[in-house]
């Protein structure tokens, strides 16, 4: 497995979860680390990204509530999710993009937010 996502679970509305994506050391030349999500019956959508210079970008729906971070030494990137809402319920996927290659996806971790 090249990308391993973890940290999903069941949480009440208003609560927090922290997702982590462990990236295999075999993956080199990463330029973007990101998180996407797919809710039941919906298309996969962008959540957050952090690029090589540390700049971050978020979907409007999560701005101010979610924070993406990375640990280059450990080759991981995390998604801190606060003030969770039922509409945040989805399978969350981590992803990396490299120079000259297509995206690499993790297997997904389920986040369920109860009202």
C-alpha atoms as a PDB file:
ATOM      1  CA  UNK A   1       0.000   0.000   0.000  1.00  0.00           C
ATOM      2  CA  UNK A   2       1.532   3.291  -1.062  1.00  0.00           C
ATOM      3  CA  UNK A   3      -0.786   5.600   0.888  1.00  0.00           C
ATOM      4  CA  UNK A   4      -2.378   4.513   4.157  1.00  0.00           C
ATOM      5  CA  UNK A   5      -5.155   6.698   5.568  1.00  0.00           C
ATOM      6  CA  UNK A   6      -6.275   6.337   9.174  1.00  0.00           C
ATOM      7  CA  UNK A   7      -8.173   8.157  11.907  1.00  0.00           C
ATOM      8  CA  UNK A   8     -11.739   7.931  10.714  1.00  0.00           C
ATOM      9  CA  UNK A   9     -14.606   7.056  13.012  1.00  0.00           C
ATOM     10  CA  UNK A  10     -17.912   8.095  14.501  1.00  0.00           C
ATOM     11  CA  UNK A  11     -18.205  11.497  16.171  1.00  0.00           C
ATOM     12  CA  UNK A  12     -21.024  13.753  17.280  1.00  0.00           C
ATOM     13  CA  UNK A  13     -21.711  17.043  15.552  1.00  0.00           C
ATOM     14  CA  UNK A  14     -19.388  19.714  16.890  1.00  0.00           C
ATOM     15  CA  UNK A  15     -16.676  17.204  17.645  1.00  0.00           C
ATOM     16  CA  UNK A  16     -13.223  16.699  16.175  1.00  0.00           C
ATOM     17  CA  UNK A  17     -11.248  14.036  14.378  1.00  0.00           C
ATOM     18  CA  UNK A  18      -7.720  13.916  13.028  1.00  0.00           C
ATOM     19  CA  UNK A  19      -6.967  11.941   9.894  1.00  0.00           C
ATOM     20  CA  UNK A  20      -3.475  10.880   8.964  1.00  0.00           C
ATOM     21  CA  UNK A  21      -2.018   9.737   5.660  1.00  0.00           C
ATOM     22  CA  UNK A  22       1.204   7.758   5.722  1.00  0.00           C
ATOM     23  CA  UNK A  23       2.999   7.833   2.395  1.00  0.00           C
ATOM     24  CA  UNK A  24       5.365   5.089   1.318  1.00  0.00           C
ATOM     25  CA  UNK A  25       9.041   6.058   1.169  1.00  0.00           C
ATOM     26  CA  UNK A  26       9.072   4.712  -2.375  1.00  0.00           C
ATOM     27  CA  UNK A  27       7.055   7.708  -3.541  1.00  0.00           C
ATOM     28  CA  UNK A  28       9.416  10.545  -4.404  1.00  0.00           C
ATOM     29  CA  UNK A  29       9.046  13.984  -5.931  1.00  0.00           C
ATOM     30  CA  UNK A  30       5.765  14.877  -4.209  1.00  0.00           C
ATOM     31  CA  UNK A  31       4.538  18.326  -5.138  1.00  0.00           C
ATOM     32  CA  UNK A  32       1.048  18.270  -3.613  1.00  0.00           C
ATOM     33  CA  UNK A  33      -0.484  16.414  -0.655  1.00  0.00           C
ATOM     34  CA  UNK A  34      -4.239  16.547  -0.392  1.00  0.00           C
ATOM     35  CA  UNK A  35      -7.470  15.167   1.012  1.00  0.00           C
ATOM     36  CA  UNK A  36     -10.690  14.456  -0.855  1.00  0.00           C
ATOM     37  CA  UNK A  37     -13.978  13.007   0.289  1.00  0.00           C
ATOM     38  CA  UNK A  38     -16.922  11.162  -1.157  1.00  0.00           C
ATOM     39  CA  UNK A  39     -20.299  11.206   0.520  1.00  0.00           C
ATOM     40  CA  UNK A  40     -22.890   8.498  -0.218  1.00  0.00           C
ATOM     41  CA  UNK A  41     -24.431   9.044  -3.629  1.00  0.00           C
ATOM     42  CA  UNK A  42     -22.140  11.954  -4.466  1.00  0.00           C
ATOM     43  CA  UNK A  43     -19.000  12.480  -6.480  1.00  0.00           C
ATOM     44  CA  UNK A  44     -15.607  12.675  -4.867  1.00  0.00           C
ATOM     45  CA  UNK A  45     -14.749  16.263  -3.973  1.00  0.00           C
ATOM     46  CA  UNK A  46     -11.690  18.233  -3.007  1.00  0.00           C
ATOM     47  CA  UNK A  47     -11.247  19.091   0.678  1.00  0.00           C
ATOM     48  CA  UNK A  48      -7.756  20.480   1.256  1.00  0.00           C
ATOM     49  CA  UNK A  49      -4.235  20.521  -0.157  1.00  0.00           C
ATOM     50  CA  UNK A  50      -0.758  21.572   0.852  1.00  0.00           C
ATOM     51  CA  UNK A  51       1.843  22.186  -1.810  1.00  0.00           C
ATOM     52  CA  UNK A  52       5.596  21.901  -1.750  1.00  0.00           C
ATOM     53  CA  UNK A  53       6.156  25.468  -0.535  1.00  0.00           C
ATOM     54  CA  UNK A  54       3.723  24.956   2.348  1.00  0.00           C
ATOM     55  CA  UNK A  55       0.866  26.927   0.869  1.00  0.00           C
ATOM     56  CA  UNK A  56      -2.544  25.500   1.736  1.00  0.00           C
ATOM     57  CA  UNK A  57      -5.901  25.574   0.005  1.00  0.00           C
ATOM     58  CA  UNK A  58      -9.335  24.537   1.256  1.00  0.00           C
ATOM     59  CA  UNK A  59     -12.806  23.907  -0.068  1.00  0.00           C
ATOM     60  CA  UNK A  60     -15.160  26.690   0.972  1.00  0.00           C
ATOM     61  CA  UNK A  61     -17.268  24.205   2.928  1.00  0.00           C
ATOM     62  CA  UNK A  62     -14.414  23.406   5.334  1.00  0.00           C
ATOM     63  CA  UNK A  63     -12.545  26.715   5.592  1.00  0.00           C
ATOM     64  CA  UNK A  64     -12.009  27.734   9.193  1.00  0.00           C
ATOM     65  CA  UNK A  65     -12.855  24.240  10.468  1.00  0.00           C
ATOM     66  CA  UNK A  66     -10.292  21.926   8.856  1.00  0.00           C
ATOM     67  CA  UNK A  67      -6.515  22.254   8.853  1.00  0.00           C
ATOM     68  CA  UNK A  68      -4.104  20.314   6.679  1.00  0.00           C
ATOM     69  CA  UNK A  69      -0.533  19.814   7.781  1.00  0.00           C
ATOM     70  CA  UNK A  70       2.442  17.718   6.795  1.00  0.00           C
ATOM     71  CA  UNK A  71       5.448  16.088   8.406  1.00  0.00           C
ATOM     72  CA  UNK A  72       8.069  15.730   5.722  1.00  0.00           C
ATOM     73  CA  UNK A  73      10.419  13.731   7.933  1.00  0.00           C
ATOM     74  CA  UNK A  74       7.707  11.150   8.586  1.00  0.00           C
ATOM     75  CA  UNK A  75       6.282  11.496   5.073  1.00  0.00           C
ATOM     76  CA  UNK A  76       2.774  12.021   6.374  1.00  0.00           C
ATOM     77  CA  UNK A  77       0.048  14.593   5.990  1.00  0.00           C
ATOM     78  CA  UNK A  78      -2.803  15.071   8.430  1.00  0.00           C
ATOM     79  CA  UNK A  79      -6.230  16.628   8.344  1.00  0.00           C
ATOM     80  CA  UNK A  80      -7.450  18.119  11.613  1.00  0.00           C
ATOM     81  CA  UNK A  81     -11.222  18.393  11.458  1.00  0.00           C
ATOM     82  CA  UNK A  82     -12.992  20.537  14.033  1.00  0.00           C
ATOM     83  CA  UNK A  83     -16.595  21.644  14.438  1.00  0.00           C
ATOM     84  CA  UNK A  84     -17.714  18.649  12.435  1.00  0.00           C
ATOM     85  CA  UNK A  85     -21.157  18.636  10.872  1.00  0.00           C
ATOM     86  CA  UNK A  86     -23.376  15.785   9.677  1.00  0.00           C
ATOM     87  CA  UNK A  87     -22.730  16.912   6.099  1.00  0.00           C
ATOM     88  CA  UNK A  88     -19.033  16.139   6.609  1.00  0.00           C
ATOM     89  CA  UNK A  89     -19.932  12.447   6.699  1.00  0.00           C
ATOM     90  CA  UNK A  90     -18.003  10.745   3.912  1.00  0.00           C
ATOM     91  CA  UNK A  91     -15.171   8.454   3.039  1.00  0.00           C
ATOM     92  CA  UNK A  92     -12.020  10.559   3.148  1.00  0.00           C
ATOM     93  CA  UNK A  93      -9.193   9.808   0.733  1.00  0.00           C
ATOM     94  CA  UNK A  94      -5.662  11.074   0.845  1.00  0.00           C
ATOM     95  CA  UNK A  95      -3.764  11.737  -2.322  1.00  0.00           C
ATOM     96  CA  UNK A  96      -0.341  12.837  -3.535  1.00  0.00           C
ATOM     97  CA  UNK A  97       0.679  14.328  -6.856  1.00  0.00           C
ATOM     98  CA  UNK A  98       4.166  14.042  -8.275  1.00  0.00           C
ATOM     99  CA  UNK A  99       6.069  15.597 -11.115  1.00  0.00           C
ATOM    100  CA  UNK A 100       5.460  13.704 -14.333  1.00  0.00           C
ATOM    101  CA  UNK A 101       3.025  11.207 -12.828  1.00  0.00           C
ATOM    102  CA  UNK A 102      -0.672  10.860 -12.213  1.00  0.00           C
ATOM    103  CA  UNK A 103      -2.202  11.136  -8.741  1.00  0.00           C
ATOM    104  CA  UNK A 104      -1.743   8.363  -6.195  1.00  0.00           C
ATOM    105  CA  UNK A 105      -4.698   7.646  -3.918  1.00  0.00           C
ATOM    106  CA  UNK A 106      -5.035   6.070  -0.511  1.00  0.00           C
ATOM    107  CA  UNK A 107      -7.731   3.527   0.311  1.00  0.00           C
ATOM    108  CA  UNK A 108     -10.070   5.847   2.218  1.00  0.00           C
ATOM    109  CA  UNK A 109     -11.206   6.141   5.801  1.00  0.00           C
ATOM    110  CA  UNK A 110     -14.835   6.583   6.847  1.00  0.00           C
ATOM    111  CA  UNK A 111     -15.915   9.602   8.875  1.00  0.00           C
ATOM    112  CA  UNK A 112     -19.439   9.583  10.272  1.00  0.00           C
ATOM    113  CA  UNK A 113     -20.825  12.640  12.043  1.00  0.00           C
ATOM    114  CA  UNK A 114     -24.034  12.109  13.970  1.00  0.00           C
ATOM    115  CA  UNK A 115     -26.489  14.922  14.645  1.00  0.00           C
END
